[in-house]
Protein backbone atom coordinates (compact mmCIF):
# COMPACT_ATOMS: atom_id res chain seq x y z
CA MET A 1 9.33 15.76 15.55
CA LYS A 2 11.07 15.11 12.24
CA LYS A 3 8.83 13.49 9.61
CA ILE A 4 10.39 11.23 6.96
CA PRO A 5 8.06 9.57 4.42
CA VAL A 6 8.90 6.24 2.83
CA TYR A 7 8.85 7.94 -0.57
CA GLN A 8 8.22 11.24 -2.31
CA PRO A 9 9.11 12.37 -5.83
CA LEU A 10 11.97 14.71 -6.60
CA LEU A 11 10.61 17.42 -8.92
CA ALA A 12 13.68 19.60 -9.26
CA GLY A 13 14.04 20.03 -13.01
CA ASN A 14 11.92 21.42 -15.85
CA GLU A 15 8.61 19.94 -14.66
CA ILE A 16 6.90 23.28 -13.98
CA GLU A 17 8.18 24.87 -17.20
CA TYR A 18 7.03 21.97 -19.37
CA VAL A 19 3.62 21.65 -17.67
CA ASN A 20 3.02 25.38 -17.96
CA ASN A 21 3.85 25.12 -21.65
CA CYS A 22 1.12 22.47 -22.00
CA LEU A 23 -1.36 24.79 -20.31
CA LYS A 24 -0.36 27.81 -22.39
CA THR A 25 -0.64 25.89 -25.66
CA THR A 26 -3.81 24.01 -24.51
CA TRP A 27 -2.22 20.65 -25.39
CA ILE A 28 -3.28 18.93 -22.18
CA SER A 29 -4.86 15.64 -23.31
CA SER A 30 -3.53 12.58 -25.12
CA LYS A 31 -1.77 14.34 -27.99
CA GLY A 32 1.16 16.70 -27.94
CA GLU A 33 4.89 17.12 -28.35
CA TYR A 34 5.82 16.02 -24.83
CA ILE A 35 4.31 12.56 -25.21
CA LEU A 36 6.29 12.00 -28.39
CA LYS A 37 9.51 13.41 -26.90
CA PHE A 38 9.12 11.33 -23.74
CA GLU A 39 8.65 8.14 -25.78
CA GLU A 40 11.61 8.89 -28.01
CA GLU A 41 13.97 9.88 -25.19
CA PHE A 42 12.91 6.97 -22.97
CA ALA A 43 13.64 4.45 -25.74
CA LYS A 44 16.97 6.14 -26.34
CA TYR A 45 17.87 6.13 -22.63
CA ILE A 46 17.41 2.38 -22.14
CA ASP A 47 18.61 1.57 -25.68
CA ILE A 48 15.51 -0.07 -27.13
CA ASP A 49 13.88 0.47 -30.50
CA TYR A 50 10.25 1.30 -29.69
CA ALA A 51 8.28 2.74 -26.77
CA THR A 52 4.71 3.88 -26.24
CA THR A 53 3.23 5.69 -23.26
CA VAL A 54 0.14 4.54 -21.33
CA SER A 55 -1.89 5.81 -18.40
CA ASN A 56 -0.36 3.56 -15.73
CA GLY A 57 1.79 0.49 -15.17
CA THR A 58 -1.09 -1.94 -14.72
CA VAL A 59 -2.63 -1.17 -18.09
CA ALA A 60 0.85 -1.47 -19.60
CA LEU A 61 0.89 -5.09 -18.40
CA HIS A 62 -2.65 -5.65 -19.66
CA LEU A 63 -1.74 -4.32 -23.09
CA ALA A 64 1.44 -6.40 -23.18
CA LEU A 65 -0.58 -9.57 -22.63
CA LEU A 66 -3.16 -8.55 -25.24
CA VAL A 67 -0.43 -7.76 -27.76
CA LEU A 68 1.05 -11.24 -27.28
CA GLY A 69 -2.35 -12.83 -27.82
CA ILE A 70 -2.63 -14.21 -24.28
CA GLU A 71 -6.20 -15.32 -23.66
CA LYS A 72 -8.54 -17.39 -21.53
CA ASP A 73 -7.02 -20.52 -19.96
CA ASP A 74 -3.47 -19.71 -21.08
CA GLU A 75 -0.89 -19.98 -18.30
CA ILE A 76 1.66 -17.33 -17.36
CA ILE A 77 4.53 -18.19 -15.01
CA VAL A 78 5.04 -15.40 -12.51
CA PRO A 79 6.58 -14.92 -9.05
CA THR A 80 4.15 -15.06 -6.16
CA LEU A 81 6.14 -12.35 -4.36
CA THR A 82 5.25 -9.31 -6.43
CA TYR A 83 2.93 -6.34 -6.36
CA ILE A 84 -0.57 -7.54 -7.14
CA ALA A 85 -0.77 -5.61 -10.45
CA SER A 86 1.39 -8.29 -12.09
CA ILE A 87 -1.17 -10.94 -11.16
CA ASN A 88 -4.26 -8.82 -11.78
CA ALA A 89 -3.19 -8.11 -15.36
CA ILE A 90 -2.92 -11.84 -16.06
CA SER A 91 -6.42 -12.34 -14.70
CA MET A 92 -7.76 -9.43 -16.76
CA VAL A 93 -7.16 -11.39 -19.97
CA GLY A 94 -8.63 -14.59 -18.49
CA ALA A 95 -5.27 -16.33 -18.19
CA LYS A 96 -4.04 -18.25 -15.17
CA PRO A 97 -1.05 -17.14 -13.06
CA ILE A 98 1.26 -20.03 -12.23
CA PHE A 99 3.20 -19.03 -9.15
CA VAL A 100 6.90 -19.65 -8.51
CA ASP A 101 8.68 -19.26 -5.18
CA SER A 102 11.48 -16.75 -4.59
CA ASN A 103 15.23 -17.00 -4.51
CA LYS A 104 16.37 -16.34 -0.93
CA ASP A 105 19.20 -14.02 -1.98
CA SER A 106 17.82 -11.89 -4.81
CA TRP A 107 14.17 -12.21 -3.65
CA ASN A 108 13.20 -12.62 -7.32
CA MET A 109 11.63 -15.67 -8.95
CA GLU A 110 13.71 -18.83 -8.42
CA CYS A 111 14.73 -19.84 -11.94
CA GLU A 112 15.49 -23.44 -10.94
CA LEU A 113 11.79 -24.02 -10.20
CA ILE A 114 10.42 -22.68 -13.46
CA GLU A 115 10.71 -25.61 -15.87
CA SER A 116 8.74 -27.89 -13.54
CA LYS A 117 5.82 -25.43 -13.90
CA ILE A 118 5.73 -25.43 -17.73
CA THR A 119 2.78 -27.21 -19.37
CA ASN A 120 1.26 -27.26 -22.85
CA LYS A 121 -0.85 -24.27 -21.72
CA THR A 122 2.14 -22.10 -20.77
CA LYS A 123 2.50 -19.11 -23.07
CA ALA A 124 4.90 -16.77 -21.27
CA ILE A 125 7.12 -16.10 -18.30
CA MET A 126 6.66 -12.76 -16.55
CA ALA A 127 9.86 -11.60 -14.88
CA VAL A 128 9.41 -9.06 -12.09
CA HIS A 129 12.48 -7.12 -10.95
CA LEU A 130 11.59 -6.76 -7.28
CA TYR A 131 12.43 -3.45 -5.59
CA GLY A 132 14.97 -2.68 -8.32
CA MET A 133 16.97 -5.94 -8.22
CA PRO A 134 17.26 -7.44 -11.73
CA CYS A 135 16.21 -11.04 -12.32
CA ASP A 136 18.61 -13.56 -13.85
CA MET A 137 17.69 -12.55 -17.39
CA SER A 138 20.15 -14.83 -19.21
CA THR A 139 18.61 -17.91 -17.57
CA LEU A 140 15.06 -16.70 -18.15
CA ARG A 141 15.80 -15.92 -21.79
CA SER A 142 17.27 -19.40 -22.26
CA ILE A 143 14.23 -21.10 -20.72
CA CYS A 144 11.86 -19.09 -22.92
CA ASP A 145 13.84 -19.86 -26.07
CA LYS A 146 14.04 -23.56 -25.19
CA HIS A 147 10.27 -23.88 -24.66
CA ASN A 148 9.15 -21.32 -27.27
CA LEU A 149 7.63 -18.99 -24.68
CA TYR A 150 7.29 -15.23 -24.62
CA LEU A 151 9.34 -13.32 -22.06
CA ILE A 152 7.56 -10.37 -20.45
CA GLU A 153 9.46 -8.02 -18.16
CA ASP A 154 7.57 -6.18 -15.45
CA ALA A 155 10.19 -3.49 -14.85
CA ALA A 156 7.87 -1.19 -12.91
CA GLU A 157 10.28 -1.14 -9.97
CA ALA A 158 13.53 -1.33 -11.90
CA PHE A 159 13.94 1.66 -14.18
CA GLY A 160 17.69 2.20 -14.46
CA SER A 161 18.68 -1.25 -13.20
CA LYS A 162 20.96 -3.41 -15.35
CA PHE A 163 21.80 -7.07 -15.89
CA ASP A 164 25.12 -7.77 -17.62
CA ASN A 165 25.41 -4.03 -18.24
CA LYS A 166 22.13 -3.99 -20.19
CA PHE A 167 19.06 -2.12 -18.94
CA THR A 168 16.14 -4.04 -17.50
CA GLY A 169 13.21 -3.89 -19.89
CA THR A 170 15.40 -4.67 -22.91
CA PHE A 171 15.54 -8.47 -22.53
CA GLY A 172 11.84 -9.24 -22.93
CA ASP A 173 9.78 -9.69 -26.05
CA ILE A 174 7.79 -6.87 -24.52
CA SER A 175 8.37 -5.00 -21.27
CA THR A 176 6.53 -2.54 -19.06
CA PHE A 177 7.34 0.32 -16.72
CA SER A 178 5.38 2.32 -14.15
CA PHE A 179 5.69 6.04 -13.43
CA PHE A 180 3.46 6.21 -10.35
CA GLY A 181 4.35 8.96 -7.87
CA ASN A 182 6.64 6.69 -5.85
CA LYS A 183 8.67 5.35 -8.77
CA THR A 184 12.27 6.29 -9.60
CA ILE A 185 11.01 8.66 -12.28
CA THR A 186 7.38 9.68 -12.18
CA THR A 187 4.59 11.24 -14.22
CA GLY A 188 2.15 11.14 -11.29
CA GLU A 189 0.32 8.27 -12.95
CA GLY A 190 1.67 6.69 -16.09
CA GLY A 191 3.44 3.79 -17.72
CA MET A 192 5.39 2.68 -20.78
CA LEU A 193 5.52 -0.37 -23.05
CA VAL A 194 8.79 -1.05 -24.83
CA SER A 195 9.97 -3.63 -27.34
CA ASN A 196 12.40 -4.19 -30.18
CA ASN A 197 9.46 -5.61 -32.12
CA GLN A 198 7.78 -2.75 -33.96
CA SER A 199 4.57 -4.69 -34.63
CA PHE A 200 4.06 -5.23 -30.88
CA ILE A 201 4.26 -1.51 -30.14
CA ARG A 202 2.08 -0.59 -33.12
CA ARG A 203 -0.52 -3.08 -31.89
CA ALA A 204 -0.36 -1.56 -28.40
CA GLU A 205 -0.80 1.95 -29.82
CA TYR A 206 -3.88 0.78 -31.68
CA LEU A 207 -5.47 -0.96 -28.70
CA LYS A 208 -4.73 1.87 -26.25
CA SER A 209 -6.59 4.35 -28.48
CA GLN A 210 -9.99 2.60 -28.57
CA SER A 211 -8.85 0.49 -31.57
CA VAL A 212 -9.71 3.33 -33.93
CA SER A 213 -9.16 2.63 -37.60
CA ASN A 214 -6.21 4.27 -39.33
CA ILE A 215 -8.12 4.57 -42.60
CA LYS A 216 -11.70 5.39 -41.58
CA GLU A 217 -12.60 8.22 -39.21
CA TYR A 218 -14.39 7.17 -35.99
CA TRP A 219 -14.41 3.54 -37.09
CA HIS A 220 -13.40 0.98 -34.47
CA ASP A 221 -12.33 -2.42 -35.76
CA GLU A 222 -12.39 -4.29 -32.45
CA VAL A 223 -12.75 -3.79 -28.71
CA GLY A 224 -10.27 -1.17 -27.60
CA TYR A 225 -9.26 0.77 -24.51
CA ASN A 226 -8.57 4.33 -23.44
CA TYR A 227 -5.12 3.73 -21.97
CA ARG A 228 -3.42 6.86 -23.26
CA MET A 229 -1.09 9.16 -21.33
CA THR A 230 -1.79 12.90 -21.24
CA ASN A 231 0.61 15.46 -22.65
CA ILE A 232 0.87 16.95 -19.15
CA CYS A 233 2.09 13.62 -17.78
CA GLY A 234 4.45 13.32 -20.75
CA ALA A 235 5.86 16.76 -19.91
CA ILE A 236 6.56 15.70 -16.33
CA GLY A 237 8.06 12.43 -17.56
CA LEU A 238 10.41 14.17 -19.97
CA ALA A 239 11.61 16.51 -17.24
CA GLN A 240 12.16 13.55 -14.91
CA LEU A 241 14.03 11.62 -17.57
CA GLU A 242 16.43 14.54 -17.95
CA GLN A 243 17.41 14.00 -14.30
CA ALA A 244 17.29 10.20 -14.32
CA SER A 245 21.01 9.46 -14.09
CA GLU A 246 21.45 11.84 -11.15
CA ILE A 247 18.39 10.42 -9.36
CA ILE A 248 19.64 6.85 -9.75
CA GLU A 249 23.13 7.81 -8.60
CA LYS A 250 21.64 9.39 -5.47
CA LYS A 251 19.47 6.34 -4.73
CA VAL A 252 22.50 4.05 -4.95
CA GLN A 253 24.32 6.39 -2.56
CA ILE A 254 21.39 6.21 -0.12
CA ALA A 255 21.56 2.40 -0.18
CA GLN A 256 25.27 2.55 0.65
CA TRP A 257 24.57 4.92 3.56
CA TYR A 258 22.05 2.43 4.95
CA LYS A 259 24.40 -0.52 4.53
CA SER A 260 27.13 1.33 6.39
CA GLY A 261 24.82 2.61 9.12
CA LEU A 262 23.16 -0.75 9.77
CA LYS A 263 26.17 -3.05 9.38
CA LYS A 264 26.28 -3.89 13.09
CA LEU A 265 22.58 -4.81 13.28
CA PRO A 266 21.18 -8.31 12.60
CA VAL A 267 19.45 -7.25 9.38
CA THR A 268 20.18 -8.31 5.80
CA PHE A 269 19.74 -6.66 2.41
CA GLN A 270 18.95 -8.08 -1.01
CA SER A 271 22.15 -9.75 -2.16
CA ASP A 272 24.74 -8.02 -4.32
CA ASN A 273 25.32 -9.80 -7.64
CA PRO A 274 28.30 -8.85 -9.83
CA LYS A 275 26.11 -9.28 -12.93
CA CYS A 276 23.48 -6.87 -11.59
CA PHE A 277 23.24 -3.14 -11.09
CA ASN A 278 20.43 -2.44 -8.61
CA SER A 279 18.89 1.02 -8.95
CA PHE A 280 17.38 0.62 -5.47
CA TRP A 281 13.84 1.77 -6.11
CA MET A 282 13.37 0.73 -2.49
CA VAL A 283 16.08 0.00 0.04
CA SER A 284 14.74 -3.17 1.65
CA ILE A 285 15.90 -5.24 4.59
CA LEU A 286 15.06 -8.47 6.39
CA ALA A 287 14.78 -8.75 10.16
CA GLU A 288 15.32 -12.02 12.02
CA ASN A 289 11.57 -12.60 12.37
CA LYS A 290 8.19 -10.94 11.92
CA GLU A 291 7.99 -9.76 15.54
CA ILE A 292 11.30 -7.92 15.31
CA ARG A 293 10.33 -6.46 11.91
CA ASP A 294 7.06 -5.17 13.31
CA SER A 295 8.70 -3.71 16.42
CA ILE A 296 11.23 -1.85 14.26
CA ARG A 297 8.45 -0.43 12.11
CA GLU A 298 6.42 0.63 15.13
CA TYR A 299 9.38 2.36 16.82
CA LEU A 300 10.28 4.19 13.61
CA LYS A 301 6.65 5.26 13.18
CA LEU A 302 6.61 6.71 16.70
CA ASN A 303 9.67 8.73 15.72
CA GLY A 304 8.18 10.13 12.51
CA ILE A 305 9.72 7.63 10.09
CA GLU A 306 7.41 5.89 7.62
CA THR A 307 8.23 2.38 6.41
CA ARG A 308 6.24 -0.35 4.73
CA PRO A 309 6.26 -4.14 4.75
CA LEU A 310 7.28 -6.27 1.79
CA PHE A 311 4.43 -7.34 -0.45
CA TYR A 312 2.24 -10.23 0.62
CA PRO A 313 2.74 -13.20 -1.73
CA ALA A 314 -0.12 -13.36 -4.23
CA HIS A 315 -0.92 -16.97 -3.31
CA THR A 316 -1.93 -15.79 0.17
CA MET A 317 -4.65 -13.50 -1.24
CA PRO A 318 -8.15 -15.04 -1.05
CA VAL A 319 -8.81 -14.63 -4.78
CA PHE A 320 -5.55 -16.37 -5.79
CA LYS A 321 -5.08 -18.76 -2.88
CA ASN A 322 -3.84 -22.28 -3.57
CA ASP A 323 -2.50 -25.17 -1.54
CA GLU A 324 1.08 -25.18 -2.84
CA ALA A 325 3.96 -24.23 -0.58
CA TYR A 326 6.08 -21.16 -1.32
CA PRO A 327 8.23 -21.06 1.82
CA ILE A 328 10.88 -18.57 0.71
CA SER A 329 8.33 -15.99 -0.45
CA GLU A 330 6.47 -16.28 2.83
CA PHE A 331 9.73 -16.08 4.79
CA LEU A 332 10.73 -12.88 2.98
CA SER A 333 7.29 -11.29 3.23
CA ASP A 334 7.04 -11.94 6.97
CA ARG A 335 10.44 -10.43 7.76
CA GLY A 336 10.96 -7.76 5.10
CA MET A 337 10.43 -4.02 5.12
CA ASN A 338 11.15 -1.01 2.91
CA LEU A 339 13.03 1.93 4.37
CA PRO A 340 12.64 5.55 3.21
CA SER A 341 14.28 5.54 -0.21
CA TYR A 342 13.46 8.78 -2.02
CA PRO A 343 16.21 10.73 -3.78
CA GLY A 344 15.72 13.84 -1.63
CA LEU A 345 17.03 12.07 1.48
CA THR A 346 20.18 13.50 2.99
CA LYS A 347 23.00 11.73 4.81
CA ASP A 348 21.68 13.26 8.04
CA ASP A 349 18.23 11.78 7.33
CA VAL A 350 19.66 8.30 6.83
CA ASP A 351 21.88 8.64 9.90
CA TYR A 352 18.79 9.57 11.93
CA ILE A 353 16.84 6.56 10.63
CA CYS A 354 19.76 4.23 11.37
CA SER A 355 20.14 5.66 14.88
CA MET A 356 16.46 5.05 15.58
CA MET A 357 16.81 1.46 14.38
CA ILE A 358 19.85 0.93 16.59
CA ARG A 359 17.81 2.22 19.55
CA THR A 360 15.13 -0.35 18.74
CA PHE A 361 17.64 -3.14 19.23
CA ASN A 362 19.17 -1.54 22.33
CA ASN A 363 15.82 -1.08 24.11
């Protein structure tokens, strides 16, 4: 039986050559030419001034909050429908996540609900570009400017996506990316902080390196962290970045194959927005109800096709539970699923997946 995973990285470039070079030169830890090249080329690719690598996307968010001075009892406005790392990072600095429901079309945070959530404790809005679909960044930027709030972009799922022809991650005061093994480009584990504010990135570089003094050897001025990326991961990242445009082009093609193959089924996709370019980290659909979604997933599993459900809204987790209603987020979570979306998929693979889904509805 054919086996199709929901995701796997495409390592078809200079990854082996660059990693072997790290091994041959013994530059395998948190210093080396590949880290610096990866940072420089990443900043150049998305057209931002400064970038610094970190060990994963979650610590990138943690550092971003620390850099902005977010602390205990501050409030951060964030979508409830997001991967839990967005919420965990807020809790790591002692701040409080203030949840916002989703927009039914984009599945991102509903901008019209945000201003009612702002209090004198609000310090920032965290935009999360869900599954590759950009948020309405012009509206979010306007709200932040109006209320003197920081704008943080969690672009972990949206490398290569654009809003108004500008890359996600370039609208925020500070923004973060993830390079986990299932991301559009990967370093295995890894992340990046980016900003046009040099002092923010310099502060992040200081904190991620155990807050070691620049003027006194082995002197640490404050509590710091070991959040550095290895040169080996940087080597993989650089090789991936060299293929980024081709990978994104292929992922967009895969999404179009799915839309064509499933057009006669009662399923819907995240909406198309003329202002947005979706890089389709995950091709995601909604079924009519949870029971149909689950039956599709089970039938695909029996036929060797891996899928996964949409994230559970954070407000449904015991540690973050509250009594407010977030009906759109719950609606989406109950009915949504991610289809295999990796760049190595062929047209025949997608046709097979679509045919299995059609059988689900015909049975």
